[in-house]
PDB file of N, CA and C in Angstrom:
ATOM      1  N   MET A   1       1.015  -1.239  -0.142  1.00  0.00           N
ATOM      2  CA  MET A   1      -0.017   0.178  -0.045  1.00  0.00           C
ATOM      3  C   MET A   1       1.216   1.406  -0.024  1.00  0.00           C
ATOM      4  N   LEU A   2       0.449   2.173  -0.567  1.00  0.00           N
ATOM      5  CA  LEU A   2       1.306   3.613  -0.827  1.00  0.00           C
ATOM      6  C   LEU A   2       0.936   4.199  -0.087  1.00  0.00           C
ATOM      7  N   MET A   3       2.178   4.990   0.693  1.00  0.00           N
ATOM      8  CA  MET A   3       1.906   5.887   1.973  1.00  0.00           C
ATOM      9  C   MET A   3       1.541   7.413   1.266  1.00  0.00           C
ATOM     10  N   ASN A   4       0.538   7.938   2.064  1.00  0.00           N
ATOM     11  CA  ASN A   4      -0.223   9.001   1.451  1.00  0.00           C
ATOM     12  C   ASN A   4       0.483  10.389   2.574  1.00  0.00           C
ATOM     13  N   PHE A   5       0.788  11.330   1.869  1.00  0.00           N
ATOM     14  CA  PHE A   5       1.517  12.522   2.592  1.00  0.00           C
ATOM     15  C   PHE A   5       0.847  13.816   2.331  1.00  0.00           C
ATOM     16  N   ASP A   6       0.965  14.602   3.718  1.00  0.00           N
ATOM     17  CA  ASP A   6       0.269  15.765   3.647  1.00  0.00           C
ATOM     18  C   ASP A   6       0.534  16.669   4.578  1.00  0.00           C
ATOM     19  N   GLU A   7       0.078  18.068   4.645  1.00  0.00           N
ATOM     20  CA  GLU A   7       1.052  18.516   5.346  1.00  0.00           C
ATOM     21  C   GLU A   7       0.024  19.653   6.206  1.00  0.00           C
ATOM     22  N   LEU A   8       0.100  19.824   7.427  1.00  0.00           N
ATOM     23  CA  LEU A   8      -0.920  21.144   8.057  1.00  0.00           C
ATOM     24  C   LEU A   8      -0.245  22.458   7.421  1.00  0.00           C
ATOM     25  N   ASN A   9      -1.643  23.063   7.894  1.00  0.00           N
ATOM     26  CA  ASN A   9      -1.294  24.737   6.839  1.00  0.00           C
ATOM     27  C   ASN A   9       0.022  25.452   7.848  1.00  0.00           C
ATOM     28  N   LYS A  10       0.233  25.450   9.057  1.00  0.00           N
ATOM     29  CA  LYS A  10       1.447  26.070   9.734  1.00  0.00           C
ATOM     30  C   LYS A  10       2.966  25.563   8.807  1.00  0.00           C
ATOM     31  N   PHE A  11       2.652  23.939   8.619  1.00  0.00           N
ATOM     32  CA  PHE A  11       4.212  23.701   8.091  1.00  0.00           C
ATOM     33  C   PHE A  11       4.189  24.069   6.656  1.00  0.00           C
ATOM     34  N   SER A  12       3.317  24.356   5.827  1.00  0.00           N
ATOM     35  CA  SER A  12       3.027  24.968   4.401  1.00  0.00           C
ATOM     36  C   SER A  12       4.073  26.192   4.349  1.00  0.00           C
ATOM     37  N   LYS A  13       3.035  26.646   5.382  1.00  0.00           N
ATOM     38  CA  LYS A  13       3.780  28.341   5.386  1.00  0.00           C
ATOM     39  C   LYS A  13       5.299  28.647   6.312  1.00  0.00           C
ATOM     40  N   GLU A  14       5.846  27.424   7.000  1.00  0.00           N
ATOM     41  CA  GLU A  14       7.147  27.512   7.506  1.00  0.00           C
ATOM     42  C   GLU A  14       8.071  26.991   6.259  1.00  0.00           C
ATOM     43  N   LEU A  15       7.430  25.937   5.723  1.00  0.00           N
ATOM     44  CA  LEU A  15       8.238  25.130   4.503  1.00  0.00           C
ATOM     45  C   LEU A  15       8.525  26.232   3.531  1.00  0.00           C
ATOM     46  N   LYS A  16       7.700  27.055   3.561  1.00  0.00           N
ATOM     47  CA  LYS A  16       7.978  28.140   2.453  1.00  0.00           C
ATOM     48  C   LYS A  16       9.014  29.289   2.674  1.00  0.00           C
ATOM     49  N   ARG A  17       8.636  29.643   4.094  1.00  0.00           N
ATOM     50  CA  ARG A  17       9.621  30.354   4.504  1.00  0.00           C
ATOM     51  C   ARG A  17      11.095  30.006   4.645  1.00  0.00           C
ATOM     52  N   LEU A  18      11.146  28.774   4.787  1.00  0.00           N
ATOM     53  CA  LEU A  18      12.642  28.239   4.867  1.00  0.00           C
ATOM     54  C   LEU A  18      13.332  27.800   3.570  1.00  0.00           C
ATOM     55  N   ARG A  19      12.159  28.009   2.513  1.00  0.00           N
ATOM     56  CA  ARG A  19      12.489  27.618   0.876  1.00  0.00           C
ATOM     57  C   ARG A  19      13.204  28.624   0.408  1.00  0.00           C
ATOM     58  N   LYS A  20      13.283  29.692   1.264  1.00  0.00           N
ATOM     59  CA  LYS A  20      13.360  30.929   0.341  1.00  0.00           C
ATOM     60  C   LYS A  20      15.082  30.984   0.838  1.00  0.00           C
ATOM     61  N   LYS A  21      15.228  30.387   2.228  1.00  0.00           N
ATOM     62  CA  LYS A  21      16.436  30.712   2.478  1.00  0.00           C
ATOM     63  C   LYS A  21      17.712  29.294   2.469  1.00  0.00           C
ATOM     64  N   TYR A  22      16.765  28.205   2.507  1.00  0.00           N
ATOM     65  CA  TYR A  22      17.701  27.295   1.691  1.00  0.00           C
ATOM     66  C   TYR A  22      16.871  26.589   0.473  1.00  0.00           C
ATOM     67  N   LYS A  23      17.955  26.831  -0.687  1.00  0.00           N
ATOM     68  CA  LYS A  23      17.421  26.149  -2.248  1.00  0.00           C
ATOM     69  C   LYS A  23      17.432  24.961  -2.132  1.00  0.00           C
ATOM     70  N   SER A  24      17.828  24.169  -1.253  1.00  0.00           N
ATOM     71  CA  SER A  24      17.583  22.540  -1.745  1.00  0.00           C
ATOM     72  C   SER A  24      16.944  22.230  -0.669  1.00  0.00           C
ATOM     73  N   LEU A  25      15.942  22.937  -0.245  1.00  0.00           N
ATOM     74  CA  LEU A  25      14.880  22.057   0.471  1.00  0.00           C
ATOM     75  C   LEU A  25      13.858  21.065   0.183  1.00  0.00           C
ATOM     76  N   PRO A  26      13.191  21.954  -0.929  1.00  0.00           N
ATOM     77  CA  PRO A  26      12.679  21.158  -1.740  1.00  0.00           C
ATOM     78  C   PRO A  26      12.591  19.328  -2.241  1.00  0.00           C
ATOM     79  N   ASP A  27      14.200  19.160  -2.581  1.00  0.00           N
ATOM     80  CA  ASP A  27      14.432  17.928  -3.219  1.00  0.00           C
ATOM     81  C   ASP A  27      14.825  17.166  -1.779  1.00  0.00           C
ATOM     82  N   ASP A  28      15.276  18.140  -0.890  1.00  0.00           N
ATOM     83  CA  ASP A  28      15.811  17.296   0.334  1.00  0.00           C
ATOM     84  C   ASP A  28      14.828  16.800   1.110  1.00  0.00           C
ATOM     85  N   LEU A  29      13.662  17.472   1.135  1.00  0.00           N
ATOM     86  CA  LEU A  29      12.249  16.832   1.498  1.00  0.00           C
ATOM     87  C   LEU A  29      11.659  15.759   0.656  1.00  0.00           C
ATOM     88  N   LYS A  30      11.887  15.769  -0.977  1.00  0.00           N
ATOM     89  CA  LYS A  30      11.572  14.387  -1.125  1.00  0.00           C
ATOM     90  C   LYS A  30      12.192  13.388  -0.994  1.00  0.00           C
ATOM     91  N   GLU A  31      13.439  13.835  -0.999  1.00  0.00           N
ATOM     92  CA  GLU A  31      14.314  12.459  -0.407  1.00  0.00           C
ATOM     93  C   GLU A  31      13.884  11.777   1.055  1.00  0.00           C
ATOM     94  N   PHE A  32      13.413  12.857   2.135  1.00  0.00           N
ATOM     95  CA  PHE A  32      13.358  12.246   3.420  1.00  0.00           C
ATOM     96  C   PHE A  32      12.103  11.126   3.456  1.00  0.00           C
ATOM     97  N   GLN A  33      10.960  12.188   2.302  1.00  0.00           N
ATOM     98  CA  GLN A  33       9.746  11.186   2.255  1.00  0.00           C
ATOM     99  C   GLN A  33       9.816  10.313   1.289  1.00  0.00           C
ATOM    100  N   ALA A  34      11.038   9.971   0.754  1.00  0.00           N
ATOM    101  CA  ALA A  34      11.133   8.425   0.173  1.00  0.00           C
ATOM    102  C   ALA A  34      11.720   7.818   0.735  1.00  0.00           C
ATOM    103  N   VAL A  35      12.366   8.360   2.307  1.00  0.00           N
ATOM    104  CA  VAL A  35      13.267   7.379   3.236  1.00  0.00           C
ATOM    105  C   VAL A  35      12.063   6.702   3.885  1.00  0.00           C
ATOM    106  N   ILE A  36      11.284   7.716   4.214  1.00  0.00           N
ATOM    107  CA  ILE A  36      10.144   7.331   5.723  1.00  0.00           C
ATOM    108  C   ILE A  36       8.823   6.736   4.496  1.00  0.00           C
ATOM    109  N   SER A  37       8.977   6.449   3.683  1.00  0.00           N
ATOM    110  CA  SER A  37       7.766   5.893   3.175  1.00  0.00           C
ATOM    111  C   SER A  37       8.268   4.288   3.025  1.00  0.00           C
ATOM    112  N   ILE A  38       9.095   4.124   3.060  1.00  0.00           N
ATOM    113  CA  ILE A  38       9.843   2.744   3.916  1.00  0.00           C
ATOM    114  C   ILE A  38       9.789   2.562   5.125  1.00  0.00           C
ATOM    115  N   THR A  39      10.691   3.236   5.627  1.00  0.00           N
ATOM    116  CA  THR A  39      10.761   3.047   7.054  1.00  0.00           C
ATOM    117  C   THR A  39       9.748   3.953   8.121  1.00  0.00           C
ATOM    118  N   PRO A  40       8.514   4.171   8.193  1.00  0.00           N
ATOM    119  CA  PRO A  40       8.462   5.180   8.741  1.00  0.00           C
ATOM    120  C   PRO A  40       7.926   5.762  10.226  1.00  0.00           C
ATOM    121  N   LEU A  41       8.784   4.881  10.517  1.00  0.00           N
ATOM    122  CA  LEU A  41       9.116   5.205  12.024  1.00  0.00           C
ATOM    123  C   LEU A  41      11.179   5.441  12.166  1.00  0.00           C
ATOM    124  N   GLY A  42      11.463   5.538  11.280  1.00  0.00           N
ATOM    125  CA  GLY A  42      12.699   5.824  11.082  1.00  0.00           C
ATOM    126  C   GLY A  42      13.853   4.874  11.304  1.00  0.00           C
ATOM    127  N   ASN A  43      15.105   5.198  10.821  1.00  0.00           N
ATOM    128  CA  ASN A  43      16.227   3.531  10.534  1.00  0.00           C
ATOM    129  C   ASN A  43      17.335   4.168  11.536  1.00  0.00           C
ATOM    130  N   SER A  44      17.485   5.197  11.929  1.00  0.00           N
ATOM    131  CA  SER A  44      18.419   5.426  12.918  1.00  0.00           C
ATOM    132  C   SER A  44      18.616   6.118  13.961  1.00  0.00           C
ATOM    133  N   LYS A  45      19.684   6.405  14.543  1.00  0.00           N
ATOM    134  CA  LYS A  45      19.246   7.775  15.611  1.00  0.00           C
ATOM    135  C   LYS A  45      18.471   8.814  15.678  1.00  0.00           C
ATOM    136  N   HIS A  46      18.609   9.262  14.412  1.00  0.00           N
ATOM    137  CA  HIS A  46      17.928  10.523  13.974  1.00  0.00           C
ATOM    138  C   HIS A  46      16.262  10.540  14.000  1.00  0.00           C
ATOM    139  N   PHE A  47      16.116   9.713  14.343  1.00  0.00           N
ATOM    140  CA  PHE A  47      14.400   9.631  14.795  1.00  0.00           C
ATOM    141  C   PHE A  47      13.974   9.414  15.494  1.00  0.00           C
ATOM    142  N   ASN A  48      13.009  10.152  16.336  1.00  0.00           N
ATOM    143  CA  ASN A  48      12.882   9.497  17.561  1.00  0.00           C
ATOM    144  C   ASN A  48      11.045   9.868  17.891  1.00  0.00           C
ATOM    145  N   VAL A  49      10.313   9.056  18.323  1.00  0.00           N
ATOM    146  CA  VAL A  49       9.180   8.969  18.819  1.00  0.00           C
ATOM    147  C   VAL A  49       8.800   9.443  19.882  1.00  0.00           C
ATOM    148  N   ILE A  50       8.558  10.628  19.828  1.00  0.00           N
ATOM    149  CA  ILE A  50       8.190  11.577  20.757  1.00  0.00           C
ATOM    150  C   ILE A  50       6.467  11.460  21.869  1.00  0.00           C
ATOM    151  N   THR A  51       5.505  10.979  20.776  1.00  0.00           N
ATOM    152  CA  THR A  51       4.365  10.818  21.182  1.00  0.00           C
ATOM    153  C   THR A  51       3.424   9.459  20.441  1.00  0.00           C
ATOM    154  N   GLN A  52       3.242   8.817  21.293  1.00  0.00           N
ATOM    155  CA  GLN A  52       2.446   7.798  20.623  1.00  0.00           C
ATOM    156  C   GLN A  52       0.940   7.564  21.692  1.00  0.00           C
ATOM    157  N   THR A  53       0.509   7.434  20.564  1.00  0.00           N
ATOM    158  CA  THR A  53      -1.254   6.883  20.922  1.00  0.00           C
ATOM    159  C   THR A  53      -1.591   5.234  20.049  1.00  0.00           C
ATOM    160  N   GLU A  54      -2.683   4.762  20.319  1.00  0.00           N
ATOM    161  CA  GLU A  54      -3.182   3.501  19.825  1.00  0.00           C
ATOM    162  C   GLU A  54      -2.881   3.506  18.333  1.00  0.00           C
ATOM    163  N   ASN A  55      -3.338   4.751  17.407  1.00  0.00           N
ATOM    164  CA  ASN A  55      -3.152   4.786  15.609  1.00  0.00           C
ATOM    165  C   ASN A  55      -2.357   5.737  15.591  1.00  0.00           C
ATOM    166  N   LEU A  56      -1.483   6.461  16.271  1.00  0.00           N
ATOM    167  CA  LEU A  56      -0.886   7.610  15.473  1.00  0.00           C
ATOM    168  C   LEU A  56       0.507   7.678  16.467  1.00  0.00           C
ATOM    169  N   HIS A  57       1.499   7.511  15.731  1.00  0.00           N
ATOM    170  CA  HIS A  57       2.972   8.153  16.276  1.00  0.00           C
ATOM    171  C   HIS A  57       3.632   9.336  15.763  1.00  0.00           C
ATOM    172  N   ILE A  58       4.487  10.376  16.316  1.00  0.00           N
ATOM    173  CA  ILE A  58       4.620  11.319  16.437  1.00  0.00           C
ATOM    174  C   ILE A  58       5.860  11.309  16.531  1.00  0.00           C
ATOM    175  N   ILE A  59       6.494  11.559  15.390  1.00  0.00           N
ATOM    176  CA  ILE A  59       7.958  11.496  15.091  1.00  0.00           C
ATOM    177  C   ILE A  59       8.763  12.867  14.821  1.00  0.00           C
ATOM    178  N   LYS A  60      10.183  12.907  15.627  1.00  0.00           N
ATOM    179  CA  LYS A  60      10.955  13.882  15.611  1.00  0.00           C
ATOM    180  C   LYS A  60      12.301  13.493  14.882  1.00  0.00           C
ATOM    181  N   ALA A  61      12.422  14.077  13.645  1.00  0.00           N
ATOM    182  CA  ALA A  61      13.343  13.694  12.800  1.00  0.00           C
ATOM    183  C   ALA A  61      14.273  14.564  12.080  1.00  0.00           C
ATOM    184  N   ARG A  62      15.509  14.809  12.260  1.00  0.00           N
ATOM    185  CA  ARG A  62      16.575  15.103  11.639  1.00  0.00           C
ATOM    186  C   ARG A  62      15.668  14.924  10.248  1.00  0.00           C
ATOM    187  N   LEU A  63      16.276  16.494   9.365  1.00  0.00           N
ATOM    188  CA  LEU A  63      16.015  16.531   7.595  1.00  0.00           C
ATOM    189  C   LEU A  63      17.204  17.112   7.305  1.00  0.00           C
ATOM    190  N   PHE A  64      18.286  16.203   6.803  1.00  0.00           N
ATOM    191  CA  PHE A  64      19.319  16.879   6.032  1.00  0.00           C
ATOM    192  C   PHE A  64      18.906  17.972   4.760  1.00  0.00           C
ATOM    193  N   CYS A  65      19.978  18.974   5.112  1.00  0.00           N
ATOM    194  CA  CYS A  65      19.388  19.694   3.972  1.00  0.00           C
ATOM    195  C   CYS A  65      21.325  20.107   3.190  1.00  0.00           C
ATOM    196  N   ARG A  66      21.127  19.833   2.043  1.00  0.00           N
ATOM    197  CA  ARG A  66      22.225  19.980   1.631  1.00  0.00           C
ATOM    198  C   ARG A  66      23.306  21.747   1.639  1.00  0.00           C
ATOM    199  N   TYR A  67      22.205  22.255   1.594  1.00  0.00           N
ATOM    200  CA  TYR A  67      22.234  23.681   1.562  1.00  0.00           C
ATOM    201  C   TYR A  67      23.150  24.402   2.931  1.00  0.00           C
ATOM    202  N   LEU A  68      23.069  23.255   3.942  1.00  0.00           N
ATOM    203  CA  LEU A  68      23.081  23.381   5.032  1.00  0.00           C
ATOM    204  C   LEU A  68      25.048  23.290   5.967  1.00  0.00           C
ATOM    205  N   LYS A  69      25.103  22.297   4.903  1.00  0.00           N
ATOM    206  CA  LYS A  69      26.875  21.627   4.558  1.00  0.00           C
ATOM    207  C   LYS A  69      26.736  21.178   6.438  1.00  0.00           C
ATOM    208  N   GLY A  70      26.246  20.197   6.586  1.00  0.00           N
ATOM    209  CA  GLY A  70      26.564  19.681   7.780  1.00  0.00           C
ATOM    210  C   GLY A  70      25.544  19.672   9.473  1.00  0.00           C
ATOM    211  N   SER A  71      24.780  20.933   8.953  1.00  0.00           N
ATOM    212  CA  SER A  71      23.635  21.290   9.973  1.00  0.00           C
ATOM    213  C   SER A  71      22.321  20.495   9.121  1.00  0.00           C
ATOM    214  N   SER A  72      21.663  20.558  10.320  1.00  0.00           N
ATOM    215  CA  SER A  72      20.246  19.909   9.711  1.00  0.00           C
ATOM    216  C   SER A  72      19.290  21.086  10.389  1.00  0.00           C
ATOM    217  N   LEU A  73      17.859  20.178   9.497  1.00  0.00           N
ATOM    218  CA  LEU A  73      16.902  20.798   9.896  1.00  0.00           C
ATOM    219  C   LEU A  73      16.076  19.702  11.066  1.00  0.00           C
ATOM    220  N   ARG A  74      14.914  20.112  11.079  1.00  0.00           N
ATOM    221  CA  ARG A  74      14.142  19.175  12.279  1.00  0.00           C
ATOM    222  C   ARG A  74      12.870  18.988  11.697  1.00  0.00           C
ATOM    223  N   VAL A  75      12.086  18.337  11.766  1.00  0.00           N
ATOM    224  CA  VAL A  75      10.683  17.851  10.864  1.00  0.00           C
ATOM    225  C   VAL A  75      10.223  16.808  12.295  1.00  0.00           C
ATOM    226  N   ILE A  76       8.529  17.379  12.043  1.00  0.00           N
ATOM    227  CA  ILE A  76       7.863  16.526  13.481  1.00  0.00           C
ATOM    228  C   ILE A  76       6.771  16.303  11.989  1.00  0.00           C
ATOM    229  N   TYR A  77       6.431  14.940  12.460  1.00  0.00           N
ATOM    230  CA  TYR A  77       5.530  14.310  11.609  1.00  0.00           C
ATOM    231  C   TYR A  77       4.667  13.086  12.627  1.00  0.00           C
ATOM    232  N   SER A  78       3.504  12.945  12.041  1.00  0.00           N
ATOM    233  CA  SER A  78       2.580  11.808  12.555  1.00  0.00           C
ATOM    234  C   SER A  78       2.727  10.836  11.438  1.00  0.00           C
ATOM    235  N   TYR A  79       2.670   9.761  11.926  1.00  0.00           N
ATOM    236  CA  TYR A  79       2.642   8.760  11.343  1.00  0.00           C
ATOM    237  C   TYR A  79       1.227   7.863  11.836  1.00  0.00           C
ATOM    238  N   SER A  80       0.262   7.110  10.903  1.00  0.00           N
ATOM    239  CA  SER A  80      -0.844   6.375  11.024  1.00  0.00           C
ATOM    240  C   SER A  80      -0.485   5.216  10.455  1.00  0.00           C
ATOM    241  N   GLU A  81      -0.730   4.022  10.702  1.00  0.00           N
ATOM    242  CA  GLU A  81      -0.082   2.596  10.157  1.00  0.00           C
ATOM    243  C   GLU A  81      -1.348   2.352   9.655  1.00  0.00           C
ATOM    244  N   ARG A  82      -2.666   2.379  10.393  1.00  0.00           N
ATOM    245  CA  ARG A  82      -3.587   1.897   9.838  1.00  0.00           C
ATOM    246  C   ARG A  82      -4.099   2.697   8.687  1.00  0.00           C
ATOM    247  N   GLU A  83      -4.052   4.268   8.272  1.00  0.00           N
ATOM    248  CA  GLU A  83      -4.652   4.763   6.713  1.00  0.00           C
ATOM    249  C   GLU A  83      -3.415   4.908   6.289  1.00  0.00           C
ATOM    250  N   GLN A  84      -2.047   4.423   6.570  1.00  0.00           N
ATOM    251  CA  GLN A  84      -0.824   4.396   5.827  1.00  0.00           C
ATOM    252  C   GLN A  84      -0.860   6.261   5.499  1.00  0.00           C
ATOM    253  N   GLN A  85      -0.768   6.550   6.476  1.00  0.00           N
ATOM    254  CA  GLN A  85      -0.485   8.152   6.066  1.00  0.00           C
ATOM    255  C   GLN A  85       0.318   9.208   6.765  1.00  0.00           C
ATOM    256  N   ILE A  86       1.404   9.853   6.538  1.00  0.00           N
ATOM    257  CA  ILE A  86       2.014  11.031   7.119  1.00  0.00           C
ATOM    258  C   ILE A  86       1.995  12.168   6.785  1.00  0.00           C
ATOM    259  N   ILE A  87       1.423  12.788   8.429  1.00  0.00           N
ATOM    260  CA  ILE A  87       1.176  14.601   8.274  1.00  0.00           C
ATOM    261  C   ILE A  87       2.316  15.125   8.786  1.00  0.00           C
ATOM    262  N   PHE A  88       2.952  15.919   7.791  1.00  0.00           N
ATOM    263  CA  PHE A  88       3.929  17.350   8.259  1.00  0.00           C
ATOM    264  C   PHE A  88       3.779  17.938   9.447  1.00  0.00           C
ATOM    265  N   VAL A  89       4.213  18.307  10.436  1.00  0.00           N
ATOM    266  CA  VAL A  89       3.087  19.235  11.554  1.00  0.00           C
ATOM    267  C   VAL A  89       4.312  20.049  11.628  1.00  0.00           C
ATOM    268  N   GLU A  90       5.292  20.086  11.682  1.00  0.00           N
ATOM    269  CA  GLU A  90       6.464  21.093  11.645  1.00  0.00           C
ATOM    270  C   GLU A  90       7.691  21.093  11.170  1.00  0.00           C
ATOM    271  N   VAL A  91       7.900  21.948  10.879  1.00  0.00           N
ATOM    272  CA  VAL A  91      10.100  21.865  10.068  1.00  0.00           C
ATOM    273  C   VAL A  91      10.514  23.123  10.713  1.00  0.00           C
ATOM    274  N   TYR A  92      11.691  23.066  11.030  1.00  0.00           N
ATOM    275  CA  TYR A  92      12.252  24.058  11.394  1.00  0.00           C
ATOM    276  C   TYR A  92      13.764  24.154  11.905  1.00  0.00           C
ATOM    277  N   PHE A  93      14.948  25.331  11.810  1.00  0.00           N
ATOM    278  CA  PHE A  93      16.408  25.272  11.802  1.00  0.00           C
ATOM    279  C   PHE A  93      16.570  25.009  13.380  1.00  0.00           C
ATOM    280  N   LYS A  94      17.647  23.897  13.526  1.00  0.00           N
ATOM    281  CA  LYS A  94      17.419  23.917  15.346  1.00  0.00           C
ATOM    282  C   LYS A  94      18.278  25.121  15.710  1.00  0.00           C
ATOM    283  N   GLY A  95      19.006  26.069  15.152  1.00  0.00           N
ATOM    284  CA  GLY A  95      19.786  26.993  15.248  1.00  0.00           C
ATOM    285  C   GLY A  95      18.454  27.507  15.570  1.00  0.00           C
ATOM    286  N   ASP A  96      17.619  28.107  14.974  1.00  0.00           N
ATOM    287  CA  ASP A  96      16.512  29.069  15.460  1.00  0.00           C
ATOM    288  C   ASP A  96      15.540  28.679  16.566  1.00  0.00           C
ATOM    289  N   LYS A  97      15.536  27.365  17.101  1.00  0.00           N
ATOM    290  CA  LYS A  97      14.576  27.179  17.619  1.00  0.00           C
ATOM    291  C   LYS A  97      15.225  25.811  17.910  1.00  0.00           C
ATOM    292  N   GLU A  98      15.034  25.679  19.657  1.00  0.00           N
ATOM    293  CA  GLU A  98      15.439  24.724  20.049  1.00  0.00           C
ATOM    294  C   GLU A  98      14.662  23.156  19.832  1.00  0.00           C
ATOM    295  N   ASN A  99      13.368  23.682  20.653  1.00  0.00           N
ATOM    296  CA  ASN A  99      12.525  22.252  20.497  1.00  0.00           C
ATOM    297  C   ASN A  99      11.286  22.304  19.712  1.00  0.00           C
ATOM    298  N   GLU A 100      10.162  21.646  19.556  1.00  0.00           N
ATOM    299  CA  GLU A 100       9.045  21.481  18.715  1.00  0.00           C
ATOM    300  C   GLU A 100       8.475  22.523  19.361  1.00  0.00           C
ATOM    301  N   ASP A 101       7.314  22.589  18.905  1.00  0.00           N
ATOM    302  CA  ASP A 101       6.114  23.351  19.548  1.00  0.00           C
ATOM    303  C   ASP A 101       4.997  22.545  19.841  1.00  0.00           C
ATOM    304  N   ARG A 102       5.292  21.791  21.228  1.00  0.00           N
ATOM    305  CA  ARG A 102       4.140  21.349  21.843  1.00  0.00           C
ATOM    306  C   ARG A 102       2.658  21.398  21.806  1.00  0.00           C
ATOM    307  N   SER A 103       2.819  22.964  21.761  1.00  0.00           N
ATOM    308  CA  SER A 103       1.090  23.279  21.316  1.00  0.00           C
ATOM    309  C   SER A 103       0.297  22.621  20.545  1.00  0.00           C
ATOM    310  N   ARG A 104       1.227  22.727  19.335  1.00  0.00           N
ATOM    311  CA  ARG A 104       0.912  22.250  17.750  1.00  0.00           C
ATOM    312  C   ARG A 104       0.501  21.248  17.677  1.00  0.00           C
ATOM    313  N   ILE A 105       1.736  19.706  18.545  1.00  0.00           N
ATOM    314  CA  ILE A 105       1.453  18.720  18.368  1.00  0.00           C
ATOM    315  C   ILE A 105       0.174  18.348  19.223  1.00  0.00           C
ATOM    316  N   LYS A 106      -0.087  19.145  20.195  1.00  0.00           N
ATOM    317  CA  LYS A 106      -1.544  18.862  21.414  1.00  0.00           C
ATOM    318  C   LYS A 106      -2.936  19.057  20.212  1.00  0.00           C
ATOM    319  N   GLU A 107      -2.697  19.826  19.693  1.00  0.00           N
ATOM    320  CA  GLU A 107      -3.873  20.251  18.981  1.00  0.00           C
ATOM    321  C   GLU A 107      -3.762  19.534  17.283  1.00  0.00           C
ATOM    322  N   HIS A 108      -2.948  18.711  16.830  1.00  0.00           N
ATOM    323  CA  HIS A 108      -2.741  18.149  15.987  1.00  0.00           C
ATOM    324  C   HIS A 108      -3.373  16.877  16.545  1.00  0.00           C
ATOM    325  N   LEU A 109      -3.025  16.165  17.579  1.00  0.00           N
ATOM    326  CA  LEU A 109      -3.494  14.812  18.324  1.00  0.00           C
ATOM    327  C   LEU A 109      -4.712  14.929  18.435  1.00  0.00           C
ATOM    328  N   SER A 110      -5.549  16.194  19.302  1.00  0.00           N
ATOM    329  CA  SER A 110      -6.652  16.394  19.593  1.00  0.00           C
ATOM    330  C   SER A 110      -7.673  16.574  17.959  1.00  0.00           C
ATOM    331  N   ASN A 111      -7.018  17.102  17.234  1.00  0.00           N
ATOM    332  CA  ASN A 111      -8.115  17.204  16.109  1.00  0.00           C
ATOM    333  C   ASN A 111      -7.854  15.426  15.163  1.00  0.00           C
ATOM    334  N   TYR A 112      -6.481  15.204  15.182  1.00  0.00           N
ATOM    335  CA  TYR A 112      -6.721  13.474  14.749  1.00  0.00           C
ATOM    336  C   TYR A 112      -7.714  12.554  15.351  1.00  0.00           C
ATOM    337  N   CYS A 113      -7.659  12.595  16.766  1.00  0.00           N
ATOM    338  CA  CYS A 113      -8.505  11.701  17.500  1.00  0.00           C
ATOM    339  C   CYS A 113      -9.896  12.283  17.406  1.00  0.00           C
ATOM    340  N   ASN A 114     -10.195  13.413  17.119  1.00  0.00           N
ATOM    341  CA  ASN A 114     -11.601  13.743  17.090  1.00  0.00           C
ATOM    342  C   ASN A 114     -12.096  13.273  15.978  1.00  0.00           C
TER     343      ASN A 114
END
């Protein structure tokens, strides 16, 4: 079964802003999607399941960006095994922001579960 990808509106806005700064980001995100469509929960120490419910996993992962040369971005996404769906929740540069937006994750969980 094919993996379905979607993104929150806030993620789209962040991606658009970061894309102006990091030109390789669209291609890097496509490569990342190819990896997580095969191993949605990750395959290395660069993936961390930060929240888990019966039907949904919230994962924080490093998103390699060629433009950054050694540094990386962070991406938060949810994975539903039952629906074979990945929803991108947040993307940010680790140098600008230390941690993920917990309130956005909680909001996504409550919207998903209702």
